[in-house]
PDB file of all heavy atoms in Angstrom:
ATOM      1  N   VAL A   1      -4.162 -29.996  41.595  1.00  0.00           N
ATOM      2  CA  VAL A   1      -5.292 -30.721  42.192  1.00  0.00           C
ATOM      3  C   VAL A   1      -6.284 -30.871  41.012  1.00  0.00           C
ATOM      4  O   VAL A   1      -6.519 -29.891  40.377  1.00  0.00           O
ATOM      5  CB  VAL A   1      -5.775 -30.149  43.448  1.00  0.00           C
ATOM      6  CG1 VAL A   1      -6.268 -28.672  43.302  1.00  0.00           C
ATOM      7  CG2 VAL A   1      -6.955 -31.101  43.950  1.00  0.00           C
ATOM      8  N   ARG A   2      -6.830 -32.017  40.825  1.00  0.00           N
ATOM      9  CA  ARG A   2      -7.797 -32.166  39.689  1.00  0.00           C
ATOM     10  C   ARG A   2      -9.218 -32.183  40.242  1.00  0.00           C
ATOM     11  O   ARG A   2      -9.479 -32.538  41.385  1.00  0.00           O
ATOM     12  CB  ARG A   2      -7.486 -33.401  39.013  1.00  0.00           C
ATOM     13  CG  ARG A   2      -6.034 -33.482  38.260  1.00  0.00           C
ATOM     14  CD  ARG A   2      -5.995 -34.581  37.309  1.00  0.00           C
ATOM     15  NE  ARG A   2      -4.571 -34.727  36.729  1.00  0.00           N
ATOM     16  CZ  ARG A   2      -4.084 -34.033  35.752  1.00  0.00           C
ATOM     17  NH1 ARG A   2      -4.881 -33.020  35.228  1.00  0.00           N
ATOM     18  NH2 ARG A   2      -2.888 -34.218  35.271  1.00  0.00           N
ATOM     19  N   ASP A   3     -10.067 -31.863  39.360  1.00  0.00           N
ATOM     20  CA  ASP A   3     -11.599 -32.003  39.528  1.00  0.00           C
ATOM     21  C   ASP A   3     -11.974 -31.328  40.916  1.00  0.00           C
ATOM     22  O   ASP A   3     -12.705 -31.897  41.695  1.00  0.00           O
ATOM     23  CB  ASP A   3     -11.926 -33.435  39.455  1.00  0.00           C
ATOM     24  CG  ASP A   3     -13.358 -33.708  39.063  1.00  0.00           C
ATOM     25  OD1 ASP A   3     -14.035 -32.639  38.604  1.00  0.00           O
ATOM     26  OD2 ASP A   3     -13.836 -34.725  39.097  1.00  0.00           O
ATOM     27  N   LEU A   4     -11.538 -30.111  41.104  1.00  0.00           N
ATOM     28  CA  LEU A   4     -11.872 -29.437  42.414  1.00  0.00           C
ATOM     29  C   LEU A   4     -12.955 -28.381  42.127  1.00  0.00           C
ATOM     30  O   LEU A   4     -12.845 -27.605  41.190  1.00  0.00           O
ATOM     31  CB  LEU A   4     -10.601 -28.694  42.831  1.00  0.00           C
ATOM     32  CG  LEU A   4     -10.765 -27.875  44.183  1.00  0.00           C
ATOM     33  CD1 LEU A   4     -10.963 -28.860  45.390  1.00  0.00           C
ATOM     34  CD2 LEU A   4      -9.443 -27.108  44.409  1.00  0.00           C
ATOM     35  N   ARG A   5     -13.935 -28.268  42.986  1.00  0.00           N
ATOM     36  CA  ARG A   5     -14.946 -27.285  42.880  1.00  0.00           C
ATOM     37  C   ARG A   5     -14.901 -26.594  44.290  1.00  0.00           C
ATOM     38  O   ARG A   5     -15.097 -27.096  45.337  1.00  0.00           O
ATOM     39  CB  ARG A   5     -16.272 -27.934  42.796  1.00  0.00           C
ATOM     40  CG  ARG A   5     -17.400 -26.883  42.430  1.00  0.00           C
ATOM     41  CD  ARG A   5     -18.849 -27.554  42.470  1.00  0.00           C
ATOM     42  NE  ARG A   5     -18.837 -28.679  41.490  1.00  0.00           N
ATOM     43  CZ  ARG A   5     -19.386 -28.443  40.282  1.00  0.00           C
ATOM     44  NH1 ARG A   5     -19.847 -27.264  39.880  1.00  0.00           N
ATOM     45  NH2 ARG A   5     -19.436 -29.486  39.450  1.00  0.00           N
ATOM     46  N   PRO A   6     -14.558 -25.217  44.182  1.00  0.00           N
ATOM     47  CA  PRO A   6     -14.425 -24.401  45.454  1.00  0.00           C
ATOM     48  C   PRO A   6     -15.741 -24.358  46.224  1.00  0.00           C
ATOM     49  O   PRO A   6     -16.854 -24.397  45.613  1.00  0.00           O
ATOM     50  CB  PRO A   6     -14.104 -23.037  45.003  1.00  0.00           C
ATOM     51  CG  PRO A   6     -13.498 -23.252  43.648  1.00  0.00           C
ATOM     52  CD  PRO A   6     -14.161 -24.415  43.021  1.00  0.00           C
ATOM     53  N   GLN A   7     -15.696 -24.367  47.536  1.00  0.00           N
ATOM     54  CA  GLN A   7     -16.915 -24.244  48.365  1.00  0.00           C
ATOM     55  C   GLN A   7     -17.554 -22.938  48.227  1.00  0.00           C
ATOM     56  O   GLN A   7     -18.769 -22.694  48.239  1.00  0.00           O
ATOM     57  CB  GLN A   7     -16.591 -24.465  49.822  1.00  0.00           C
ATOM     58  CG  GLN A   7     -16.100 -25.897  50.031  1.00  0.00           C
ATOM     59  CD  GLN A   7     -15.689 -26.038  51.555  1.00  0.00           C
ATOM     60  OE1 GLN A   7     -15.077 -25.196  52.125  1.00  0.00           O
ATOM     61  NE2 GLN A   7     -16.096 -27.221  52.156  1.00  0.00           N
ATOM     62  N   SER A   8     -16.717 -21.836  48.042  1.00  0.00           N
ATOM     63  CA  SER A   8     -17.218 -20.488  47.914  1.00  0.00           C
ATOM     64  C   SER A   8     -16.223 -19.647  47.178  1.00  0.00           C
ATOM     65  O   SER A   8     -14.995 -20.021  47.138  1.00  0.00           O
ATOM     66  CB  SER A   8     -17.440 -19.852  49.243  1.00  0.00           C
ATOM     67  OG  SER A   8     -16.203 -19.755  50.078  1.00  0.00           O
ATOM     68  N   ALA A   9     -16.589 -18.595  46.578  1.00  0.00           N
ATOM     69  CA  ALA A   9     -15.732 -17.691  45.898  1.00  0.00           C
ATOM     70  C   ALA A   9     -16.326 -16.284  45.944  1.00  0.00           C
ATOM     71  O   ALA A   9     -17.518 -16.049  45.915  1.00  0.00           O
ATOM     72  CB  ALA A   9     -15.585 -18.170  44.441  1.00  0.00           C
ATOM     73  N   ALA A  10     -15.294 -15.328  46.005  1.00  0.00           N
ATOM     74  CA  ALA A  10     -15.763 -13.918  46.042  1.00  0.00           C
ATOM     75  C   ALA A  10     -14.692 -13.053  45.375  1.00  0.00           C
ATOM     76  O   ALA A  10     -13.492 -13.287  45.409  1.00  0.00           O
ATOM     77  CB  ALA A  10     -16.000 -13.466  47.501  1.00  0.00           C
ATOM     78  N   ALA A  11     -15.063 -12.014  44.671  1.00  0.00           N
ATOM     79  CA  ALA A  11     -14.215 -11.004  44.143  1.00  0.00           C
ATOM     80  C   ALA A  11     -13.792 -10.093  45.205  1.00  0.00           C
ATOM     81  O   ALA A  11     -14.584  -9.588  46.060  1.00  0.00           O
ATOM     82  CB  ALA A  11     -14.851 -10.224  43.013  1.00  0.00           C
ATOM     83  N   ILE A  12     -12.443  -9.842  45.355  1.00  0.00           N
ATOM     84  CA  ILE A  12     -11.910  -8.985  46.396  1.00  0.00           C
ATOM     85  C   ILE A  12     -10.999  -7.910  45.789  1.00  0.00           C
ATOM     86  O   ILE A  12     -10.659  -7.927  44.590  1.00  0.00           O
ATOM     87  CB  ILE A  12     -11.167  -9.737  47.447  1.00  0.00           C
ATOM     88  CG1 ILE A  12      -9.961 -10.453  46.810  1.00  0.00           C
ATOM     89  CG2 ILE A  12     -12.074 -10.814  48.148  1.00  0.00           C
ATOM     90  CD1 ILE A  12      -8.933 -11.093  47.739  1.00  0.00           C
ATOM     91  N   GLY A  13     -10.561  -6.966  46.642  1.00  0.00           N
ATOM     92  CA  GLY A  13      -9.673  -5.973  46.171  1.00  0.00           C
ATOM     93  C   GLY A  13     -10.316  -4.849  45.422  1.00  0.00           C
ATOM     94  O   GLY A  13     -11.557  -4.750  45.337  1.00  0.00           O
ATOM     95  N   ALA A  14      -9.554  -3.828  44.985  1.00  0.00           N
ATOM     96  CA  ALA A  14     -10.094  -2.663  44.294  1.00  0.00           C
ATOM     97  C   ALA A  14     -10.806  -3.122  43.139  1.00  0.00           C
ATOM     98  O   ALA A  14     -10.353  -3.825  42.215  1.00  0.00           O
ATOM     99  CB  ALA A  14      -8.972  -1.704  43.914  1.00  0.00           C
ATOM    100  N   GLU A  15     -12.114  -2.703  43.024  1.00  0.00           N
ATOM    101  CA  GLU A  15     -13.004  -2.982  41.915  1.00  0.00           C
ATOM    102  C   GLU A  15     -13.201  -4.488  41.659  1.00  0.00           C
ATOM    103  O   GLU A  15     -13.464  -4.950  40.574  1.00  0.00           O
ATOM    104  CB  GLU A  15     -12.486  -2.351  40.600  1.00  0.00           C
ATOM    105  CG  GLU A  15     -12.321  -0.910  40.719  1.00  0.00           C
ATOM    106  CD  GLU A  15     -11.665  -0.262  39.488  1.00  0.00           C
ATOM    107  OE1 GLU A  15     -11.272  -0.939  38.592  1.00  0.00           O
ATOM    108  OE2 GLU A  15     -11.645   0.969  39.428  1.00  0.00           O
ATOM    109  N   GLY A  16     -12.991  -5.306  42.702  1.00  0.00           N
ATOM    110  CA  GLY A  16     -13.217  -6.691  42.653  1.00  0.00           C
ATOM    111  C   GLY A  16     -12.288  -7.436  41.665  1.00  0.00           C
ATOM    112  O   GLY A  16     -12.643  -8.439  41.051  1.00  0.00           O
ATOM    113  N   LYS A  17     -11.015  -6.900  41.613  1.00  0.00           N
ATOM    114  CA  LYS A  17     -10.062  -7.471  40.624  1.00  0.00           C
ATOM    115  C   LYS A  17      -9.540  -8.816  40.838  1.00  0.00           C
ATOM    116  O   LYS A  17      -9.251  -9.571  40.003  1.00  0.00           O
ATOM    117  CB  LYS A  17      -8.979  -6.368  40.562  1.00  0.00           C
ATOM    118  CG  LYS A  17      -7.896  -6.650  39.484  1.00  0.00           C
ATOM    119  CD  LYS A  17      -6.851  -5.631  39.454  1.00  0.00           C
ATOM    120  CE  LYS A  17      -5.861  -5.774  38.193  1.00  0.00           C
ATOM    121  NZ  LYS A  17      -4.817  -4.736  38.256  1.00  0.00           N
ATOM    122  N   HIS A  18      -9.560  -9.212  42.172  1.00  0.00           N
ATOM    123  CA  HIS A  18      -8.939 -10.519  42.454  1.00  0.00           C
ATOM    124  C   HIS A  18      -9.982 -11.531  43.007  1.00  0.00           C
ATOM    125  O   HIS A  18     -11.168 -11.118  43.303  1.00  0.00           O
ATOM    126  CB  HIS A  18      -7.819 -10.322  43.481  1.00  0.00           C
ATOM    127  CG  HIS A  18      -6.852  -9.271  43.135  1.00  0.00           C
ATOM    128  ND1 HIS A  18      -6.102  -9.332  42.007  1.00  0.00           N
ATOM    129  CD2 HIS A  18      -6.468  -8.093  43.762  1.00  0.00           C
ATOM    130  CE1 HIS A  18      -5.269  -8.277  41.908  1.00  0.00           C
ATOM    131  NE2 HIS A  18      -5.522  -7.501  43.030  1.00  0.00           N
ATOM    132  N   LEU A  19      -9.549 -12.788  43.105  1.00  0.00           N
ATOM    133  CA  LEU A  19     -10.448 -13.777  43.441  1.00  0.00           C
ATOM    134  C   LEU A  19     -10.065 -14.545  44.678  1.00  0.00           C
ATOM    135  O   LEU A  19      -8.858 -14.953  44.731  1.00  0.00           O
ATOM    136  CB  LEU A  19     -10.651 -14.878  42.300  1.00  0.00           C
ATOM    137  CG  LEU A  19     -11.519 -15.983  42.471  1.00  0.00           C
ATOM    138  CD1 LEU A  19     -13.046 -15.626  42.613  1.00  0.00           C
ATOM    139  CD2 LEU A  19     -11.415 -17.070  41.318  1.00  0.00           C
ATOM    140  N   ARG A  20     -10.935 -14.728  45.682  1.00  0.00           N
ATOM    141  CA  ARG A  20     -10.618 -15.446  46.868  1.00  0.00           C
ATOM    142  C   ARG A  20     -11.554 -16.618  46.982  1.00  0.00           C
ATOM    143  O   ARG A  20     -12.798 -16.393  46.858  1.00  0.00           O
ATOM    144  CB  ARG A  20     -10.776 -14.583  48.059  1.00  0.00           C
ATOM    145  CG  ARG A  20     -10.273 -15.332  49.381  1.00  0.00           C
ATOM    146  CD  ARG A  20     -10.591 -14.494  50.651  1.00  0.00           C
ATOM    147  NE  ARG A  20      -9.787 -15.002  51.761  1.00  0.00           N
ATOM    148  CZ  ARG A  20     -10.298 -16.013  52.566  1.00  0.00           C
ATOM    149  NH1 ARG A  20     -11.510 -16.587  52.267  1.00  0.00           N
ATOM    150  NH2 ARG A  20      -9.579 -16.441  53.641  1.00  0.00           N
ATOM    151  N   MET A  21     -11.038 -17.807  47.115  1.00  0.00           N
ATOM    152  CA  MET A  21     -11.911 -18.940  47.255  1.00  0.00           C
ATOM    153  C   MET A  21     -11.563 -19.850  48.499  1.00  0.00           C
ATOM    154  O   MET A  21     -10.464 -19.587  49.098  1.00  0.00           O
ATOM    155  CB  MET A  21     -11.619 -19.973  45.961  1.00  0.00           C
ATOM    156  CG  MET A  21     -11.931 -19.253  44.698  1.00  0.00           C
ATOM    157  SD  MET A  21     -11.193 -20.209  43.328  1.00  0.00           S
ATOM    158  CE  MET A  21      -9.473 -19.735  43.406  1.00  0.00           C
ATOM    159  N   GLU A  22     -12.590 -20.603  48.935  1.00  0.00           N
ATOM    160  CA  GLU A  22     -12.348 -21.569  49.930  1.00  0.00           C
ATOM    161  C   GLU A  22     -12.415 -22.917  49.249  1.00  0.00           C
ATOM    162  O   GLU A  22     -13.332 -23.245  48.593  1.00  0.00           O
ATOM    163  CB  GLU A  22     -13.430 -21.498  51.027  1.00  0.00           C
ATOM    164  CG  GLU A  22     -13.426 -20.243  51.907  1.00  0.00           C
ATOM    165  CD  GLU A  22     -12.184 -20.122  52.827  1.00  0.00           C
ATOM    166  OE1 GLU A  22     -11.719 -21.203  53.245  1.00  0.00           O
ATOM    167  OE2 GLU A  22     -11.683 -19.082  53.135  1.00  0.00           O
ATOM    168  N   VAL A  23     -11.307 -23.626  49.490  1.00  0.00           N
ATOM    169  CA  VAL A  23     -11.234 -24.953  48.795  1.00  0.00           C
ATOM    170  C   VAL A  23     -10.886 -26.052  49.869  1.00  0.00           C
ATOM    171  O   VAL A  23     -10.338 -25.719  50.851  1.00  0.00           O
ATOM    172  CB  VAL A  23     -10.101 -25.039  47.711  1.00  0.00           C
ATOM    173  CG1 VAL A  23     -10.484 -24.035  46.613  1.00  0.00           C
ATOM    174  CG2 VAL A  23      -8.770 -24.737  48.320  1.00  0.00           C
ATOM    175  N   GLY A  24     -11.345 -27.204  49.630  1.00  0.00           N
ATOM    176  CA  GLY A  24     -11.220 -28.366  50.464  1.00  0.00           C
ATOM    177  C   GLY A  24     -12.408 -29.022  50.858  1.00  0.00           C
ATOM    178  O   GLY A  24     -13.408 -29.085  50.048  1.00  0.00           O
ATOM    179  N   THR A  25     -12.632 -29.464  52.130  1.00  0.00           N
ATOM    180  CA  THR A  25     -13.908 -30.045  52.594  1.00  0.00           C
ATOM    181  C   THR A  25     -14.502 -29.084  53.659  1.00  0.00           C
ATOM    182  O   THR A  25     -13.861 -28.118  54.074  1.00  0.00           O
ATOM    183  CB  THR A  25     -13.669 -31.346  53.210  1.00  0.00           C
ATOM    184  OG1 THR A  25     -12.799 -31.234  54.432  1.00  0.00           O
ATOM    185  CG2 THR A  25     -12.920 -32.297  52.269  1.00  0.00           C
ATOM    186  N   ARG A  26     -15.667 -29.419  54.110  1.00  0.00           N
ATOM    187  CA  ARG A  26     -16.337 -28.509  55.132  1.00  0.00           C
ATOM    188  C   ARG A  26     -15.580 -28.475  56.384  1.00  0.00           C
ATOM    189  O   ARG A  26     -15.552 -27.517  57.094  1.00  0.00           O
ATOM    190  CB  ARG A  26     -17.766 -28.996  55.293  1.00  0.00           C
ATOM    191  CG  ARG A  26     -18.668 -28.820  54.204  1.00  0.00           C
ATOM    192  CD  ARG A  26     -20.121 -29.239  54.538  1.00  0.00           C
ATOM    193  NE  ARG A  26     -21.053 -29.017  53.505  1.00  0.00           N
ATOM    194  CZ  ARG A  26     -22.449 -29.141  53.608  1.00  0.00           C
ATOM    195  NH1 ARG A  26     -22.911 -29.770  54.663  1.00  0.00           N
ATOM    196  NH2 ARG A  26     -23.138 -28.880  52.605  1.00  0.00           N
ATOM    197  N   THR A  27     -14.966 -29.622  56.631  1.00  0.00           N
ATOM    198  CA  THR A  27     -14.163 -29.669  58.024  1.00  0.00           C
ATOM    199  C   THR A  27     -12.687 -29.186  57.840  1.00  0.00           C
ATOM    200  O   THR A  27     -12.088 -28.948  58.774  1.00  0.00           O
ATOM    201  CB  THR A  27     -14.226 -31.109  58.508  1.00  0.00           C
ATOM    202  OG1 THR A  27     -13.697 -31.990  57.673  1.00  0.00           O
ATOM    203  CG2 THR A  27     -15.670 -31.329  58.839  1.00  0.00           C
ATOM    204  N   GLN A  28     -12.153 -29.264  56.621  1.00  0.00           N
ATOM    205  CA  GLN A  28     -10.678 -29.031  56.491  1.00  0.00           C
ATOM    206  C   GLN A  28     -10.655 -28.182  55.092  1.00  0.00           C
ATOM    207  O   GLN A  28     -10.633 -28.809  54.052  1.00  0.00           O
ATOM    208  CB  GLN A  28      -9.897 -30.219  56.415  1.00  0.00           C
ATOM    209  CG  GLN A  28      -8.355 -29.963  56.405  1.00  0.00           C
ATOM    210  CD  GLN A  28      -7.531 -31.275  56.578  1.00  0.00           C
ATOM    211  OE1 GLN A  28      -8.107 -32.379  56.671  1.00  0.00           O
ATOM    212  NE2 GLN A  28      -6.243 -31.206  56.680  1.00  0.00           N
TER     213      GLN A  28
END
């Protein structure tokens, strides 16, 4: 998917090693 900006992002896991994002639109 091109030109995507995540709605939110957070470091997760031990010592914040991994990245979790919410992508898409507000409704989907």
